[in-house]
């Protein structure tokens, strides 16, 4: 009944990277013998037994120009050799803090401004950030369309180059034990950490907080700075992913890895975190926090430090267990997990969620994950699962906590065994399409359910802007603000999307786009960019779904003026 599833100096040309990526060369950086660090100490203080410096050092060239890296470096004042931690911040950081908490726990820590946005973060940098303004992100709008900058100019590439130079800097500090190098990254920094692990085999351990690989392996996935990928030409998407999806080098990892995430993370979806976890070789642990939506990005030094101490101590002790099993007993479903040998466990909890298809891993689903205690019987822990309706999907995992306060999650199981949210190919595994509006009530925007709301896009529930009911979707001006969701597809059948739109200005425009794909590969897209006014008007996008299409991705933006949306309707004909 059950089955576990879920899911260097020289610039390298984008064309070559797309055709046959030489990733070792693409991400190579000179060492300090080839390019000395030219370190400049900007400030220094000793407080509470911790020495802290702000400094800059020479980075690898980027876009053909020299760079310097701004960083905070802190270490215990007491002489000795300490493990070295490289801390890599997320994209939303506004202040770069020195974070002396690491040094107080017996580590030397280097915090780098990898994005080169020192001016924005009010931190000193030399030279000015103009070196990075040519990149500035992943994609840009040109000629009315989104395009990848070119992989050699991408700011993620610069982040990897900065991180590798920073490790070289850390390795050469007199207080640092070069045999105990560690990395911790959050959000976009977690993505960089996963990339870094593929090129730095000397790293002993890493903590990846809210990040994953396999970026486009789940149809309909959107999140963070990956959103523009779906708006860019397919060839450019493939080029970018060939260089910047961590899955390209995941098999080369040597470090012990902790993946920390949340069930409802809107930027790095739980199914893709799980897929990343499964593919990591060697020692690894998973910690998925129930009902957490990207909330511990700037915290959790305590968890990270505890994991690093465990990784640097043999035998390695951290809670762990193989995937749970579900068996039918007396017409009831029993969920059982058998922890691996290791530290004594304080408790084991069942974490589960049941909801009608499509199953959602987003805070907007409004269906919370539930926790229930599990009972120990010898080496195993078990709990009874709730009944699952014929149209429902249940996803469950176990959360283990040891007597030291360290926690880990197991992999998941699904009931029924084929997770219907996954978009598996094959007609026999697809739920039948219901008649009528296939968006259900989601397109009425009476709640935040059903869509991904990216950047400045949100549901307005005041009733002031709604066509019917109290809710309407507000999408601000510009293609970086949009709503998106996966929609059913049936190759060869006609489709019709309708909705009501009004501009926030006297005159504006809307953009309706559906990308049709098969097994994650784009087949074609249908597009309409009509003019709209300040009064609600009905817009229609219709056509024929291409043969072989298994999934559709609906994207709605406002290239001009911003707009309100209400009463969306999507149907497939016979």
Protein backbone atom coordinates (compact mmCIF):
# COMPACT_ATOMS: atom_id res chain seq x y z
CA UNK A 1 0.00 0.00 0.00
CA UNK A 2 2.74 2.42 0.89
CA UNK A 3 5.70 3.73 -1.00
CA UNK A 4 8.13 6.46 0.07
CA UNK A 5 8.35 9.26 -2.44
CA UNK A 6 8.27 13.06 -2.87
CA UNK A 7 9.42 13.86 -4.13
CA UNK A 8 39.99 32.10 -12.86
CA UNK A 9 40.48 34.79 -13.42
CA UNK A 10 39.49 34.46 -17.07
CA UNK A 11 35.77 34.78 -17.74
CA UNK A 12 34.03 31.72 -19.09
CA UNK A 13 31.53 32.36 -21.85
CA UNK A 14 27.85 31.74 -21.32
CA UNK A 15 27.59 29.83 -24.57
CA UNK A 16 30.28 27.39 -23.52
CA UNK A 17 28.71 27.02 -20.08
CA UNK A 18 25.38 26.16 -21.70
CA UNK A 19 26.89 23.62 -24.07
CA UNK A 20 29.30 21.82 -21.76
CA UNK A 21 29.83 23.59 -18.43
CA UNK A 22 33.40 23.34 -17.20
CA UNK A 23 32.28 24.22 -13.71
CA UNK A 24 35.68 23.78 -12.08
CA UNK A 25 37.07 26.46 -14.35
CA UNK A 26 33.92 28.59 -14.19
CA UNK A 27 34.10 28.91 -10.39
CA UNK A 28 37.88 28.82 -9.99
CA UNK A 29 39.57 31.55 -7.93
CA UNK A 30 43.27 32.35 -7.53
CA UNK A 31 44.86 31.49 -4.21
CA UNK A 32 46.76 33.96 -2.08
CA UNK A 33 50.06 33.11 -3.76
CA UNK A 34 48.66 34.17 -7.14
CA UNK A 35 46.57 37.07 -5.84
CA UNK A 36 47.58 38.31 -2.37
CA UNK A 37 44.71 39.36 -0.10
CA UNK A 38 45.94 42.93 0.39
CA UNK A 39 44.04 43.05 3.67
CA UNK A 40 43.00 46.42 5.07
CA UNK A 41 41.89 46.56 8.72
CA UNK A 42 39.15 49.17 9.10
CA UNK A 43 38.42 48.78 12.82
CA UNK A 44 39.32 46.53 15.74
CA UNK A 45 38.06 46.03 19.28
CA UNK A 46 38.34 43.51 22.12
CA UNK A 47 35.28 42.97 24.28
CA UNK A 48 34.06 40.12 26.50
CA UNK A 49 36.99 37.93 25.47
CA UNK A 50 36.31 38.37 21.74
CA UNK A 51 38.50 40.17 19.18
CA UNK A 52 36.47 41.69 16.34
CA UNK A 53 37.74 43.36 13.18
CA UNK A 54 36.06 44.96 10.20
CA UNK A 55 38.22 44.62 7.12
CA UNK A 56 38.43 44.29 3.36
CA UNK A 57 40.55 41.96 1.26
CA UNK A 58 41.06 41.37 -2.46
CA UNK A 59 38.45 39.23 -4.18
CA UNK A 60 38.57 37.46 -7.53
CA UNK A 61 37.98 39.65 -10.57
CA UNK A 62 34.34 39.97 -11.60
CA UNK A 63 33.09 41.34 -14.91
CA UNK A 64 36.73 41.98 -15.75
CA UNK A 65 37.21 44.32 -12.82
CA UNK A 66 39.04 43.98 -9.50
CA UNK A 67 36.92 43.51 -6.39
CA UNK A 68 37.31 43.80 -2.67
CA UNK A 69 35.35 41.88 -0.05
CA UNK A 70 34.05 43.58 3.06
CA UNK A 71 33.85 41.29 6.10
CA UNK A 72 33.63 41.06 9.85
CA UNK A 73 36.10 38.71 11.51
CA UNK A 74 35.80 37.66 15.13
CA UNK A 75 37.72 35.10 17.19
CA UNK A 76 38.39 34.33 20.86
CA UNK A 77 40.96 36.68 22.39
CA UNK A 78 42.69 33.74 24.08
CA UNK A 79 45.50 32.35 21.86
CA UNK A 80 44.80 28.99 20.30
CA UNK A 81 43.59 27.14 17.20
CA UNK A 82 39.86 27.32 16.59
CA UNK A 83 37.44 25.90 14.01
CA UNK A 84 36.77 28.47 11.28
CA UNK A 85 33.17 29.33 10.32
CA UNK A 86 32.25 31.12 7.09
CA UNK A 87 28.83 32.80 7.47
CA UNK A 88 26.95 33.62 4.24
CA UNK A 89 23.97 35.95 4.56
CA UNK A 90 20.64 35.92 2.70
CA UNK A 91 19.45 38.27 -0.03
CA UNK A 92 17.15 40.29 2.22
CA UNK A 93 19.85 41.34 4.68
CA UNK A 94 19.86 45.08 5.51
CA UNK A 95 22.60 45.17 8.17
CA UNK A 96 25.76 43.07 8.19
CA UNK A 97 26.54 42.31 11.84
CA UNK A 98 29.88 41.07 13.16
CA UNK A 99 28.12 38.25 15.07
CA UNK A 100 30.61 37.73 17.95
CA UNK A 101 28.35 34.96 19.30
CA UNK A 102 30.35 32.45 17.29
CA UNK A 103 33.60 33.48 18.94
CA UNK A 104 32.01 33.22 22.39
CA UNK A 105 31.27 29.56 21.56
CA UNK A 106 34.85 28.81 20.58
CA UNK A 107 34.85 29.47 16.82
CA UNK A 108 36.61 31.97 14.56
CA UNK A 109 33.96 33.45 12.29
CA UNK A 110 34.14 35.41 9.02
CA UNK A 111 30.94 37.18 7.92
CA UNK A 112 31.17 38.38 4.30
CA UNK A 113 29.19 40.86 2.23
CA UNK A 114 29.00 38.51 -0.75
CA UNK A 115 26.50 40.59 -2.73
CA UNK A 116 28.75 43.63 -2.83
CA UNK A 117 26.02 45.87 -1.47
CA UNK A 118 27.94 47.53 1.30
CA UNK A 119 26.47 50.94 0.57
CA UNK A 120 22.93 49.56 0.85
CA UNK A 121 23.80 47.84 4.12
CA UNK A 122 25.63 50.92 5.47
CA UNK A 123 28.88 49.01 5.76
CA UNK A 124 32.20 50.35 4.45
CA UNK A 125 33.53 48.91 1.19
CA UNK A 126 36.31 49.65 -1.22
CA UNK A 127 36.08 50.13 -4.10
CA UNK A 128 32.50 51.34 -4.56
CA UNK A 129 29.84 48.83 -5.47
CA UNK A 130 29.83 49.86 -9.12
CA UNK A 131 31.71 46.65 -9.88
CA UNK A 132 28.50 44.71 -9.25
CA UNK A 133 25.91 47.04 -10.73
CA UNK A 134 26.31 45.35 -14.11
CA UNK A 135 24.93 42.17 -12.56
CA UNK A 136 22.69 43.16 -9.71
CA UNK A 137 20.63 39.99 -9.82
CA UNK A 138 19.74 37.02 -11.92
CA UNK A 139 17.70 38.46 -14.78
CA UNK A 140 16.79 41.74 -16.45
CA UNK A 141 13.96 42.92 -18.67
CA UNK A 142 14.99 43.74 -22.19
CA UNK A 143 12.75 44.43 -25.17
CA UNK A 144 9.71 43.74 -23.05
CA UNK A 145 10.96 40.27 -22.04
CA UNK A 146 12.98 38.78 -19.21
CA UNK A 147 16.48 37.55 -20.04
CA UNK A 148 19.21 35.91 -18.01
CA UNK A 149 22.14 38.32 -17.69
CA UNK A 150 24.61 35.72 -18.84
CA UNK A 151 26.03 33.26 -16.41
CA UNK A 152 29.50 34.81 -16.29
CA UNK A 153 27.95 38.10 -15.13
CA UNK A 154 25.43 36.64 -12.67
CA UNK A 155 25.65 37.86 -9.08
CA UNK A 156 25.36 34.24 -7.85
CA UNK A 157 28.62 33.49 -9.62
CA UNK A 158 30.19 36.42 -7.82
CA UNK A 159 28.81 35.06 -4.54
CA UNK A 160 30.54 31.71 -5.10
CA UNK A 161 33.80 33.45 -6.04
CA UNK A 162 33.58 35.60 -2.90
CA UNK A 163 32.82 32.57 -0.72
CA UNK A 164 35.81 30.63 -2.05
CA UNK A 165 38.15 33.59 -1.55
CA UNK A 166 36.71 34.03 1.94
CA UNK A 167 37.52 30.40 2.80
CA UNK A 168 41.06 31.02 1.59
CA UNK A 169 41.23 34.06 3.87
CA UNK A 170 39.85 32.08 6.82
CA UNK A 171 42.23 29.19 6.19
CA UNK A 172 45.21 31.56 6.43
CA UNK A 173 44.33 33.22 9.73
CA UNK A 174 46.77 32.26 12.53
CA UNK A 175 43.92 31.44 14.96
CA UNK A 176 42.16 29.08 12.56
CA UNK A 177 42.66 25.33 12.39
CA UNK A 178 42.63 24.86 8.60
CA UNK A 179 41.58 21.23 9.06
CA UNK A 180 38.30 22.32 10.68
CA UNK A 181 36.63 24.65 8.20
CA UNK A 182 32.84 25.07 8.38
CA UNK A 183 30.15 27.00 6.49
CA UNK A 184 26.68 28.23 7.37
CA UNK A 185 24.31 30.01 4.97
CA UNK A 186 20.76 31.31 5.11
CA UNK A 187 18.22 31.61 2.28
CA UNK A 188 20.13 32.88 -0.78
CA UNK A 189 23.24 32.25 1.33
CA UNK A 190 22.05 28.66 1.79
CA UNK A 191 21.88 28.30 -1.99
CA UNK A 192 25.48 29.60 -2.16
CA UNK A 193 26.53 27.19 0.58
CA UNK A 194 25.15 24.25 -1.38
CA UNK A 195 27.10 25.43 -4.43
CA UNK A 196 30.24 25.94 -2.33
CA UNK A 197 30.10 22.36 -1.03
CA UNK A 198 30.58 21.10 -4.59
CA UNK A 199 33.91 22.93 -4.95
CA UNK A 200 35.45 22.91 -1.47
CA UNK A 201 36.07 19.29 -0.40
CA UNK A 202 38.04 20.51 2.64
CA UNK A 203 34.88 21.75 4.36
CA UNK A 204 34.20 19.51 7.36
CA UNK A 205 30.56 20.45 7.91
CA UNK A 206 27.88 22.85 6.74
CA UNK A 207 24.51 24.07 7.97
CA UNK A 208 22.10 25.02 5.19
CA UNK A 209 19.22 27.13 6.53
CA UNK A 210 16.28 27.45 4.11
CA UNK A 211 17.79 26.46 0.80
CA UNK A 212 17.81 23.59 -1.69
CA UNK A 213 18.85 22.36 -5.11
CA UNK A 214 16.68 20.95 -7.91
CA UNK A 215 15.34 24.45 -8.38
CA UNK A 216 13.02 23.79 -11.30
CA UNK A 217 12.26 20.11 -10.75
CA UNK A 218 8.76 20.68 -9.41
CA UNK A 219 6.19 22.03 -11.90
CA UNK A 220 4.74 25.36 -10.80
CA UNK A 221 7.54 26.11 -8.36
CA UNK A 222 8.31 29.75 -7.74
CA UNK A 223 10.36 31.32 -5.05
CA UNK A 224 12.65 34.22 -4.28
CA UNK A 225 15.08 35.26 -6.96
CA UNK A 226 14.31 32.09 -8.94
CA UNK A 227 11.00 33.52 -10.11
CA UNK A 228 12.40 35.26 -13.23
CA UNK A 229 13.62 31.89 -14.51
CA UNK A 230 10.11 30.98 -15.60
CA UNK A 231 9.82 34.25 -17.50
CA UNK A 232 13.09 33.80 -19.41
CA UNK A 233 13.62 31.82 -22.63
CA UNK A 234 13.99 28.07 -22.12
CA UNK A 235 17.57 27.99 -23.48
CA UNK A 236 18.62 30.66 -20.99
CA UNK A 237 16.92 28.80 -18.15
CA UNK A 238 18.85 25.66 -18.99
CA UNK A 239 22.09 27.63 -19.22
CA UNK A 240 21.57 29.18 -15.81
CA UNK A 241 20.54 25.94 -14.13
CA UNK A 242 23.50 24.12 -15.68
CA UNK A 243 25.77 26.43 -13.72
CA UNK A 244 23.83 27.47 -10.61
CA UNK A 245 21.63 24.57 -9.60
CA UNK A 246 23.51 22.82 -6.75
CA UNK A 247 22.36 19.46 -8.06
CA UNK A 248 25.12 19.63 -10.70
CA UNK A 249 27.78 18.87 -8.04
CA UNK A 250 25.83 17.41 -5.16
CA UNK A 251 27.41 13.98 -5.63
CA UNK A 252 30.84 15.45 -4.78
CA UNK A 253 29.98 16.66 -1.28
CA UNK A 254 32.43 15.57 1.41
CA UNK A 255 31.12 17.56 4.37
CA UNK A 256 28.62 16.56 7.03
CA UNK A 257 25.46 18.54 6.20
CA UNK A 258 22.44 19.72 8.19
CA UNK A 259 19.50 20.92 6.07
CA UNK A 260 17.25 23.16 8.16
CA UNK A 261 13.96 24.27 6.63
CA UNK A 262 10.26 24.84 7.28
CA UNK A 263 7.19 23.00 6.04
CA UNK A 264 5.70 26.23 4.70
CA UNK A 265 8.81 27.94 3.32
CA UNK A 266 7.59 30.06 0.40
CA UNK A 267 11.03 30.39 -1.21
CA UNK A 268 12.42 26.85 -1.01
CA UNK A 269 9.58 24.34 -1.13
CA UNK A 270 9.61 21.33 1.13
CA UNK A 271 9.48 18.72 -1.69
CA UNK A 272 12.66 20.16 -3.21
CA UNK A 273 14.38 20.35 0.19
CA UNK A 274 13.56 16.67 0.63
CA UNK A 275 14.89 15.82 -2.82
CA UNK A 276 18.12 17.66 -2.04
CA UNK A 277 18.46 15.82 1.27
CA UNK A 278 18.01 12.43 -0.40
CA UNK A 279 20.75 13.10 -2.93
CA UNK A 280 23.42 14.35 -0.49
CA UNK A 281 26.03 11.61 0.03
CA UNK A 282 27.69 10.80 3.33
CA UNK A 283 26.65 12.07 6.77
CA UNK A 284 23.55 14.26 6.63
CA UNK A 285 20.70 15.37 8.84
CA UNK A 286 17.36 16.99 8.14
CA UNK A 287 15.37 19.36 10.36
CA UNK A 288 12.01 20.58 9.00
CA UNK A 289 10.20 22.85 11.43
CA UNK A 290 6.39 22.45 11.37
CA UNK A 291 4.43 25.52 10.19
CA UNK A 292 7.62 27.52 9.73
CA UNK A 293 7.74 29.96 6.82
CA UNK A 294 11.36 31.08 6.38
CA UNK A 295 11.54 32.39 9.94
CA UNK A 296 14.94 31.35 11.32
CA UNK A 297 17.05 32.78 8.50
CA UNK A 298 19.00 35.20 10.65
CA UNK A 299 19.05 33.09 13.79
CA UNK A 300 19.75 29.57 14.90
CA UNK A 301 23.46 29.98 15.73
CA UNK A 302 22.78 27.67 18.67
CA UNK A 303 21.57 24.89 16.38
CA UNK A 304 24.43 25.45 13.93
CA UNK A 305 27.11 25.54 16.63
CA UNK A 306 25.76 22.35 18.23
CA UNK A 307 25.80 20.59 14.86
CA UNK A 308 29.36 21.73 14.17
CA UNK A 309 30.56 20.48 17.54
CA UNK A 310 28.91 17.12 16.84
CA UNK A 311 30.47 16.94 13.37
CA UNK A 312 33.94 17.68 14.77
CA UNK A 313 33.57 15.02 17.46
CA UNK A 314 33.84 11.28 16.83
CA UNK A 315 31.65 9.40 17.03
CA UNK A 316 29.22 11.81 15.39
CA UNK A 317 26.08 11.97 17.52
CA UNK A 318 22.88 13.63 16.31
CA UNK A 319 19.35 12.19 16.21
CA UNK A 320 18.67 10.19 13.06
CA UNK A 321 16.21 7.63 11.71
CA UNK A 322 15.42 5.95 8.41
CA UNK A 323 12.20 6.78 6.60
CA UNK A 324 9.05 5.87 8.54
CA UNK A 325 6.73 3.07 7.46
CA UNK A 326 2.94 2.99 7.43
CA UNK A 327 1.05 -0.28 7.85
CA UNK A 328 -2.63 -1.09 8.03
CA UNK A 329 -3.58 -2.69 11.34
CA UNK A 330 -7.20 -3.51 12.18
CA UNK A 331 -8.37 -1.10 9.47
CA UNK A 332 -6.24 1.63 11.00
CA UNK A 333 -3.04 3.15 9.64
CA UNK A 334 -0.07 3.01 12.00
CA UNK A 335 2.95 5.24 11.46
CA UNK A 336 6.21 3.78 12.82
CA UNK A 337 9.77 5.07 12.98
CA UNK A 338 12.81 3.23 14.33
CA UNK A 339 15.59 5.67 15.30
CA UNK A 340 19.18 4.81 14.53
CA UNK A 341 21.66 4.16 17.34
CA UNK A 342 22.86 7.41 18.86
CA UNK A 343 22.03 9.83 21.65
CA UNK A 344 19.15 9.09 24.01
CA UNK A 345 15.89 10.52 22.73
CA UNK A 346 13.72 12.79 24.86
CA UNK A 347 10.66 12.58 22.59
CA UNK A 348 9.48 11.69 19.08
CA UNK A 349 6.52 13.50 17.51
CA UNK A 350 4.35 12.77 14.51
CA UNK A 351 4.04 15.73 12.13
CA UNK A 352 1.31 15.48 9.51
CA UNK A 353 -1.10 17.38 7.30
CA UNK A 354 -4.17 16.22 5.43
CA UNK A 355 -5.86 18.32 2.78
CA UNK A 356 -7.69 17.99 -0.51
CA UNK A 357 -5.63 17.96 -3.64
CA UNK A 358 -3.68 19.84 -4.76
CA UNK A 359 -1.56 19.45 -1.63
CA UNK A 360 0.10 22.76 -0.74
CA UNK A 361 3.42 23.49 0.93
CA UNK A 362 2.83 27.16 1.56
CA UNK A 363 1.71 29.30 4.43
CA UNK A 364 -1.16 30.53 2.26
CA UNK A 365 -2.80 27.09 2.34
CA UNK A 366 -4.34 27.91 5.73
CA UNK A 367 -4.21 24.20 6.58
CA UNK A 368 -1.71 23.81 9.43
CA UNK A 369 0.59 20.91 10.06
CA UNK A 370 -0.41 19.03 13.21
CA UNK A 371 1.77 17.42 15.86
CA UNK A 372 0.92 14.34 17.88
CA UNK A 373 2.99 12.39 20.44
CA UNK A 374 4.39 9.02 19.50
CA UNK A 375 4.60 6.03 21.85
CA UNK A 376 7.76 4.03 22.34
CA UNK A 377 7.72 0.27 22.03
CA UNK A 378 11.24 -1.12 22.37
CA UNK A 379 13.40 0.50 19.70
CA UNK A 380 10.42 1.79 17.68
CA UNK A 381 8.07 4.73 18.11
CA UNK A 382 4.59 4.73 16.61
CA UNK A 383 1.32 6.65 16.34
CA UNK A 384 -2.03 6.14 14.66
CA UNK A 385 -2.72 8.21 11.54
CA UNK A 386 -6.09 9.86 10.92
CA UNK A 387 -8.38 8.56 8.24
CA UNK A 388 -7.67 9.86 4.75
CA UNK A 389 -10.60 10.74 2.50
CA UNK A 390 -10.77 9.55 -1.07
CA UNK A 391 -9.95 13.02 -2.40
CA UNK A 392 -7.33 13.86 0.21
CA UNK A 393 -3.58 13.54 0.48
CA UNK A 394 -1.75 13.00 3.78
CA UNK A 395 1.95 13.74 4.24
CA UNK A 396 3.69 12.75 7.47
CA UNK A 397 7.14 12.63 9.04
CA UNK A 398 8.67 12.22 12.49
CA UNK A 399 10.43 14.88 14.54
CA UNK A 400 13.08 13.54 16.94
CA UNK A 401 14.59 15.40 19.89
CA UNK A 402 17.44 14.04 22.02
CA UNK A 403 18.22 14.75 25.67
CA UNK A 404 20.71 17.46 24.65
CA UNK A 405 18.01 19.45 22.84
CA UNK A 406 19.19 18.55 19.32
CA UNK A 407 16.47 17.79 16.79
CA UNK A 408 16.14 16.05 13.43
CA UNK A 409 13.39 15.06 11.05
CA UNK A 410 12.85 11.87 9.12
CA UNK A 411 11.96 11.64 5.47
CA UNK A 412 8.26 11.63 4.62
CA UNK A 413 5.63 9.11 3.73
CA UNK A 414 2.46 9.85 1.78
CA UNK A 415 -1.03 8.39 1.93
CA UNK A 416 -2.03 7.44 -0.71
CA UNK A 417 1.37 6.39 -1.91
CA UNK A 418 1.30 8.53 -5.07
CA UNK A 419 1.48 12.16 -3.98
CA UNK A 420 -1.04 13.88 -6.20
CA UNK A 421 0.56 17.29 -5.80
CA UNK A 422 3.66 16.06 -7.56
CA UNK A 423 2.45 16.19 -11.14
CA UNK A 424 3.63 12.69 -11.97
CA UNK A 425 3.49 11.84 -15.67
CA UNK A 426 1.07 9.26 -16.90
CA UNK A 427 -2.67 9.64 -17.35
CA UNK A 428 -3.42 6.75 -15.00
CA UNK A 429 -1.84 8.64 -12.08
CA UNK A 430 -3.58 11.93 -12.62
CA UNK A 431 -6.73 12.85 -10.74
CA UNK A 432 -9.70 13.38 -13.01
CA UNK A 433 -10.48 16.97 -13.84
CA UNK A 434 -13.59 18.33 -12.27
CA UNK A 435 -16.08 20.09 -14.49
CA UNK A 436 -16.30 23.87 -14.38
CA UNK A 437 -13.73 26.31 -13.02
CA UNK A 438 -10.51 24.38 -12.33
CA UNK A 439 -9.27 27.16 -10.04
CA UNK A 440 -12.18 26.47 -7.72
CA UNK A 441 -12.77 29.43 -5.45
CA UNK A 442 -9.08 30.41 -5.39
CA UNK A 443 -9.59 32.89 -8.24
CA UNK A 444 -12.12 34.85 -6.16
CA UNK A 445 -9.28 35.99 -3.87
CA UNK A 446 -11.38 35.83 -0.73
CA UNK A 447 -8.30 34.35 0.98
CA UNK A 448 -4.59 33.98 0.26
CA UNK A 449 -5.04 30.40 -0.89
CA UNK A 450 -4.00 28.85 -4.15
CA UNK A 451 -1.50 31.29 -5.70
CA UNK A 452 2.12 32.28 -5.17
CA UNK A 453 2.23 36.00 -4.43
CA UNK A 454 5.68 37.24 -5.45
CA UNK A 455 7.20 40.47 -4.17
CA UNK A 456 4.55 43.25 -4.21
CA UNK A 457 1.54 41.10 -4.95
CA UNK A 458 -1.05 40.38 -2.28
CA UNK A 459 -4.72 39.82 -1.50
CA UNK A 460 -6.68 42.92 -0.50
CA UNK A 461 -9.65 41.99 1.74
CA UNK A 462 -11.11 45.39 2.57
CA UNK A 463 -13.87 45.08 -0.03
CA UNK A 464 -12.93 48.46 -1.51
CA UNK A 465 -11.31 47.05 -4.64
CA UNK A 466 -13.23 43.80 -5.13
CA UNK A 467 -15.55 43.20 -8.07
CA UNK A 468 -17.48 40.63 -6.07
CA UNK A 469 -17.15 39.64 -2.43
CA UNK A 470 -14.55 41.40 -0.28
CA UNK A 471 -11.31 40.19 -1.81
CA UNK A 472 -9.23 41.14 -4.84
CA UNK A 473 -5.64 40.54 -5.82
CA UNK A 474 -3.41 43.62 -5.95
CA UNK A 475 -0.38 43.37 -8.26
CA UNK A 476 1.94 46.36 -8.31
CA UNK A 477 3.57 47.78 -11.42
CA UNK A 478 6.53 45.89 -12.91
CA UNK A 479 7.35 42.31 -13.88
CA UNK A 480 9.08 41.54 -10.58
CA UNK A 481 5.62 41.64 -8.98
CA UNK A 482 3.34 38.82 -10.06
CA UNK A 483 1.08 35.95 -9.08
CA UNK A 484 1.58 32.41 -10.31
CA UNK A 485 0.25 28.90 -9.85
CA UNK A 486 0.37 25.52 -11.48
CA UNK A 487 -2.76 24.55 -13.44
CA UNK A 488 -3.94 21.26 -14.97
CA UNK A 489 -3.19 20.52 -18.62
CA UNK A 490 -4.61 18.10 -21.20
CA UNK A 491 -2.66 18.00 -24.41
CA UNK A 492 -4.68 18.76 -27.53
CA UNK A 493 -7.72 20.17 -25.73
CA UNK A 494 -8.91 23.79 -25.86
CA UNK A 495 -8.52 25.99 -22.80
CA UNK A 496 -10.01 29.29 -21.72
CA UNK A 497 -8.83 31.63 -18.98
CA UNK A 498 -11.05 34.58 -18.07
CA UNK A 499 -10.88 37.16 -15.33
CA UNK A 500 -11.73 40.71 -14.38
CA UNK A 501 -9.01 43.35 -14.30
CA UNK A 502 -8.81 47.05 -13.46
CA UNK A 503 -5.77 49.32 -13.56
CA UNK A 504 -4.56 51.31 -10.55
CA UNK A 505 -4.05 54.18 -13.00
CA UNK A 506 -6.43 55.66 -15.58
CA UNK A 507 -4.60 53.59 -18.18
CA UNK A 508 -2.43 50.52 -17.71
CA UNK A 509 -1.74 47.04 -18.99
CA UNK A 510 -1.95 43.42 -17.93
CA UNK A 511 0.10 40.40 -18.92
CA UNK A 512 -1.48 36.92 -18.90
CA UNK A 513 0.86 34.03 -19.64
CA UNK A 514 0.59 30.24 -19.43
CA UNK A 515 3.73 28.10 -19.82
CA UNK A 516 2.95 24.54 -20.95
CA UNK A 517 5.45 21.88 -19.98
CA UNK A 518 6.16 18.16 -19.93
CA UNK A 519 8.28 16.71 -17.14
CA UNK A 520 9.55 20.18 -16.34
CA UNK A 521 10.51 21.09 -19.94
CA UNK A 522 8.77 24.02 -21.61
CA UNK A 523 6.81 23.09 -24.75
CA UNK A 524 5.31 26.51 -25.58
CA UNK A 525 3.58 29.45 -23.94
CA UNK A 526 0.41 31.40 -24.61
CA UNK A 527 0.55 35.15 -23.95
CA UNK A 528 -1.73 38.17 -23.99
CA UNK A 529 -0.85 41.77 -22.99
CA UNK A 530 -4.02 43.89 -23.27
CA UNK A 531 -4.54 47.50 -22.23
CA UNK A 532 -6.81 48.06 -19.21
CA UNK A 533 -8.55 51.03 -17.61
CA UNK A 534 -9.49 52.06 -14.10
CA UNK A 535 -12.78 50.17 -14.38
CA UNK A 536 -13.14 46.39 -14.17
CA UNK A 537 -13.14 44.72 -17.57
CA UNK A 538 -13.12 41.06 -18.55
CA UNK A 539 -10.01 39.66 -20.24
CA UNK A 540 -9.68 36.30 -21.96
CA UNK A 541 -6.72 34.10 -22.87
CA UNK A 542 -7.65 31.04 -24.86
CA UNK A 543 -6.17 28.51 -27.25
CA UNK A 544 -5.26 24.85 -27.55
CA UNK A 545 -3.00 23.07 -25.07
CA UNK A 546 -0.01 21.59 -26.94
CA UNK A 547 0.14 17.84 -27.42
CA UNK A 548 2.00 16.06 -24.64
CA UNK A 549 1.64 18.89 -22.12
CA UNK A 550 1.29 17.62 -18.55
CA UNK A 551 1.35 20.86 -16.59
CA UNK A 552 0.59 24.52 -17.05
CA UNK A 553 2.05 27.47 -15.17
CA UNK A 554 -0.14 30.59 -15.01
CA UNK A 555 1.71 33.89 -14.55
CA UNK A 556 -0.01 37.28 -14.28
CA UNK A 557 1.85 40.60 -14.10
CA UNK A 558 1.15 44.26 -14.72
CA UNK A 559 3.81 45.77 -17.02
CA UNK A 560 2.23 49.16 -16.63
CA UNK A 561 0.36 50.89 -13.83
CA UNK A 562 -0.37 48.08 -11.39
CA UNK A 563 -3.79 46.46 -11.20
CA UNK A 564 -6.50 44.62 -9.26
CA UNK A 565 -7.69 41.13 -10.29
CA UNK A 566 -10.88 39.31 -9.34
CA UNK A 567 -12.98 36.31 -10.37
CA UNK A 568 -10.44 34.29 -12.36
CA UNK A 569 -11.85 31.27 -14.20
CA UNK A 570 -9.89 28.51 -15.96
CA UNK A 571 -11.53 25.70 -17.95
CA UNK A 572 -10.49 22.89 -20.28
CA UNK A 573 -12.81 21.83 -23.08
CA UNK A 574 -13.52 18.38 -24.46
